[in-house]
Amino acid sequence: MSTAEYAVGTLAAVAFAGVLYAAVTSSAAKAAVAGLVQRALAGTF
């Protein structure tokens, strides 16, 4: 692979990481994780 291909791959990976970060830090994701943890601790599935 050439340097340009590495640069494009790196940019794509950084963009994907940014999207994942935005999704994980959203209030909806936090609420979903909190609900999941509460259900797991309560023992109801």
C-alpha atoms as a PDB file:
ATOM      1  CA  MET A   1       0.000   0.000   0.000  1.00  0.00           C
ATOM      2  CA  SER A   2       1.116   3.494  -0.648  1.00  0.00           C
ATOM      3  CA  THR A   3       1.370   6.343   1.808  1.00  0.00           C
ATOM      4  CA  ALA A   4      -1.816   7.912   0.435  1.00  0.00           C
ATOM      5  CA  GLU A   5      -3.739   4.708   1.137  1.00  0.00           C
ATOM      6  CA  TYR A   6      -2.437   4.657   4.699  1.00  0.00           C
ATOM      7  CA  ALA A   7      -3.511   8.285   5.121  1.00  0.00           C
ATOM      8  CA  VAL A   8      -7.024   7.544   3.870  1.00  0.00           C
ATOM      9  CA  GLY A   9      -7.267   4.483   6.113  1.00  0.00           C
ATOM     10  CA  THR A  10      -6.109   6.499   9.113  1.00  0.00           C
ATOM     11  CA  LEU A  11      -8.626   9.257   8.404  1.00  0.00           C
ATOM     12  CA  ALA A  12     -11.412   6.699   8.090  1.00  0.00           C
ATOM     13  CA  ALA A  13     -10.422   5.092  11.402  1.00  0.00           C
ATOM     14  CA  VAL A  14     -10.321   8.452  13.167  1.00  0.00           C
ATOM     15  CA  ALA A  15     -13.715   9.419  11.740  1.00  0.00           C
ATOM     16  CA  PHE A  16     -15.195   6.080  12.841  1.00  0.00           C
ATOM     17  CA  ALA A  17     -13.739   6.541  16.331  1.00  0.00           C
ATOM     18  CA  GLY A  18     -15.305   9.991  16.494  1.00  0.00           C
ATOM     19  CA  VAL A  19     -18.719   8.621  15.575  1.00  0.00           C
ATOM     20  CA  LEU A  20     -18.419   5.860  18.181  1.00  0.00           C
ATOM     21  CA  TYR A  21     -17.329   8.369  20.822  1.00  0.00           C
ATOM     22  CA  ALA A  22     -20.290  10.598  20.046  1.00  0.00           C
ATOM     23  CA  ALA A  23     -22.670   7.639  20.248  1.00  0.00           C
ATOM     24  CA  VAL A  24     -21.250   6.323  23.518  1.00  0.00           C
ATOM     25  CA  THR A  25     -21.193   9.690  25.259  1.00  0.00           C
ATOM     26  CA  SER A  26     -24.756  10.592  24.245  1.00  0.00           C
ATOM     27  CA  SER A  27     -27.399  10.775  26.946  1.00  0.00           C
ATOM     28  CA  ALA A  28     -29.396   7.976  25.317  1.00  0.00           C
ATOM     29  CA  ALA A  29     -26.433   5.603  25.477  1.00  0.00           C
ATOM     30  CA  LYS A  30     -25.735   6.553  29.097  1.00  0.00           C
ATOM     31  CA  ALA A  31     -29.371   5.897  29.993  1.00  0.00           C
ATOM     32  CA  ALA A  32     -29.319   2.537  28.202  1.00  0.00           C
ATOM     33  CA  VAL A  33     -26.167   1.438  30.017  1.00  0.00           C
ATOM     34  CA  ALA A  34     -27.528   2.629  33.358  1.00  0.00           C
ATOM     35  CA  GLY A  35     -30.767   0.709  32.776  1.00  0.00           C
ATOM     36  CA  LEU A  36     -28.864  -2.403  31.800  1.00  0.00           C
ATOM     37  CA  VAL A  37     -26.701  -2.234  34.921  1.00  0.00           C
ATOM     38  CA  GLN A  38     -29.749  -1.672  37.141  1.00  0.00           C
ATOM     39  CA  ARG A  39     -31.535  -4.664  35.590  1.00  0.00           C
ATOM     40  CA  ALA A  40     -28.448  -6.825  36.004  1.00  0.00           C
ATOM     41  CA  LEU A  41     -28.071  -5.859  39.657  1.00  0.00           C
ATOM     42  CA  ALA A  42     -31.784  -6.444  40.311  1.00  0.00           C
ATOM     43  CA  GLY A  43     -31.518  -9.909  38.761  1.00  0.00           C
ATOM     44  CA  THR A  44     -34.301  -9.428  36.199  1.00  0.00           C
ATOM     45  CA  PHE A  45     -33.576 -10.226  32.580  1.00  0.00           C
END
